[in-house]
Amino acid sequence: MTKPKRKRGRPKKLTAKQLEMARRYESVWHYEFNQLAEYRQKRIIEDPLGVSAAELAKKVARIAESDDALDELN
């Protein structure tokens, strides 16, 4: 027996909380990226899976998921 095919429809809409978190991540990422030295920015752009990019992603996640993160940025 074969499995019935899964219907491909439009993806479900994001909830308000998901949209808020996406905006927070993006805001924090841009802020932190612009605070880096130019050579580190270039390194992240050239190698988005490298060590510098991983460090930035870790820092962004930590800040974005904290409750008072956006107060520090404004």
C-alpha atoms as a PDB file:
ATOM      1  CA  MET A   1       0.000   0.000   0.000  1.00  0.00           C
ATOM      2  CA  THR A   2       1.144   3.460  -0.729  1.00  0.00           C
ATOM      3  CA  LYS A   3       0.592   6.504   1.368  1.00  0.00           C
ATOM      4  CA  PRO A   4      -1.944   9.006   0.148  1.00  0.00           C
ATOM      5  CA  LYS A   5      -0.356  12.077  -1.340  1.00  0.00           C
ATOM      6  CA  ARG A   6      -0.109  15.038   0.919  1.00  0.00           C
ATOM      7  CA  LYS A   7      -1.963  18.053  -0.351  1.00  0.00           C
ATOM      8  CA  ARG A   8       0.183  21.029  -1.119  1.00  0.00           C
ATOM      9  CA  GLY A   9      -1.705  24.133  -0.296  1.00  0.00           C
ATOM     10  CA  ARG A  10      -0.762  27.504   0.947  1.00  0.00           C
ATOM     11  CA  PRO A  11       1.358  27.430   4.071  1.00  0.00           C
ATOM     12  CA  LYS A  12      -0.400  28.339   7.272  1.00  0.00           C
ATOM     13  CA  LYS A  13      -0.291  31.976   8.251  1.00  0.00           C
ATOM     14  CA  LEU A  14       2.078  32.985  10.995  1.00  0.00           C
ATOM     15  CA  THR A  15       0.627  33.948  14.337  1.00  0.00           C
ATOM     16  CA  ALA A  16       1.132  37.388  15.815  1.00  0.00           C
ATOM     17  CA  LYS A  17       3.656  35.998  18.300  1.00  0.00           C
ATOM     18  CA  GLN A  18       5.668  34.330  15.531  1.00  0.00           C
ATOM     19  CA  LEU A  19       5.744  37.558  13.546  1.00  0.00           C
ATOM     20  CA  GLU A  20       6.857  39.498  16.617  1.00  0.00           C
ATOM     21  CA  MET A  21       9.702  37.054  17.258  1.00  0.00           C
ATOM     22  CA  ALA A  22      10.796  37.181  13.616  1.00  0.00           C
ATOM     23  CA  ARG A  23      10.913  40.965  13.787  1.00  0.00           C
ATOM     24  CA  ARG A  24      12.885  40.838  17.028  1.00  0.00           C
ATOM     25  CA  TYR A  25      15.449  38.431  15.563  1.00  0.00           C
ATOM     26  CA  GLU A  26      15.853  40.570  12.456  1.00  0.00           C
ATOM     27  CA  SER A  27      16.150  43.794  14.430  1.00  0.00           C
ATOM     28  CA  VAL A  28      18.743  42.355  16.808  1.00  0.00           C
ATOM     29  CA  TRP A  29      20.693  40.744  13.963  1.00  0.00           C
ATOM     30  CA  HIS A  30      20.975  44.016  12.046  1.00  0.00           C
ATOM     31  CA  TYR A  31      21.976  45.940  15.173  1.00  0.00           C
ATOM     32  CA  GLU A  32      24.630  43.433  16.234  1.00  0.00           C
ATOM     33  CA  PHE A  33      25.956  42.993  12.687  1.00  0.00           C
ATOM     34  CA  ASN A  34      26.426  46.750  12.317  1.00  0.00           C
ATOM     35  CA  GLN A  35      28.319  46.846  15.623  1.00  0.00           C
ATOM     36  CA  LEU A  36      30.936  44.391  14.340  1.00  0.00           C
ATOM     37  CA  ALA A  37      34.238  45.413  12.824  1.00  0.00           C
ATOM     38  CA  GLU A  38      34.267  45.631   9.054  1.00  0.00           C
ATOM     39  CA  TYR A  39      36.540  42.605   8.616  1.00  0.00           C
ATOM     40  CA  ARG A  40      34.158  40.442  10.660  1.00  0.00           C
ATOM     41  CA  GLN A  41      31.185  41.644   8.625  1.00  0.00           C
ATOM     42  CA  LYS A  42      33.006  40.661   5.433  1.00  0.00           C
ATOM     43  CA  ARG A  43      33.921  37.282   6.926  1.00  0.00           C
ATOM     44  CA  ILE A  44      30.271  36.591   7.770  1.00  0.00           C
ATOM     45  CA  ILE A  45      29.121  37.603   4.290  1.00  0.00           C
ATOM     46  CA  GLU A  46      31.782  35.468   2.596  1.00  0.00           C
ATOM     47  CA  ASP A  47      31.221  32.431   4.831  1.00  0.00           C
ATOM     48  CA  PRO A  48      27.690  32.443   6.309  1.00  0.00           C
ATOM     49  CA  LEU A  49      28.219  28.999   7.859  1.00  0.00           C
ATOM     50  CA  GLY A  50      31.577  29.844   9.439  1.00  0.00           C
ATOM     51  CA  VAL A  51      32.644  30.455  13.011  1.00  0.00           C
ATOM     52  CA  SER A  52      32.001  34.210  13.007  1.00  0.00           C
ATOM     53  CA  ALA A  53      28.476  33.738  11.690  1.00  0.00           C
ATOM     54  CA  ALA A  54      27.780  31.054  14.283  1.00  0.00           C
ATOM     55  CA  GLU A  55      28.978  33.327  17.080  1.00  0.00           C
ATOM     56  CA  LEU A  56      26.758  36.139  15.817  1.00  0.00           C
ATOM     57  CA  ALA A  57      23.748  33.811  15.526  1.00  0.00           C
ATOM     58  CA  LYS A  58      24.268  32.577  19.079  1.00  0.00           C
ATOM     59  CA  LYS A  59      24.471  36.119  20.418  1.00  0.00           C
ATOM     60  CA  VAL A  60      21.411  37.216  18.428  1.00  0.00           C
ATOM     61  CA  ALA A  61      19.343  34.288  19.695  1.00  0.00           C
ATOM     62  CA  ARG A  62      20.331  34.965  23.292  1.00  0.00           C
ATOM     63  CA  ILE A  63      19.409  38.651  23.048  1.00  0.00           C
ATOM     64  CA  ALA A  64      16.234  38.229  20.982  1.00  0.00           C
ATOM     65  CA  GLU A  65      14.837  35.600  23.308  1.00  0.00           C
ATOM     66  CA  SER A  66      15.461  37.612  26.461  1.00  0.00           C
ATOM     67  CA  ASP A  67      12.509  39.630  27.715  1.00  0.00           C
ATOM     68  CA  ASP A  68      14.204  43.005  27.982  1.00  0.00           C
ATOM     69  CA  ALA A  69      16.332  42.754  24.830  1.00  0.00           C
ATOM     70  CA  LEU A  70      14.675  45.467  22.790  1.00  0.00           C
ATOM     71  CA  ASP A  71      14.841  48.000  25.625  1.00  0.00           C
ATOM     72  CA  GLU A  72      18.642  47.869  25.412  1.00  0.00           C
ATOM     73  CA  LEU A  73      18.641  48.461  21.663  1.00  0.00           C
ATOM     74  CA  ASN A  74      16.370  51.513  21.716  1.00  0.00           C
END
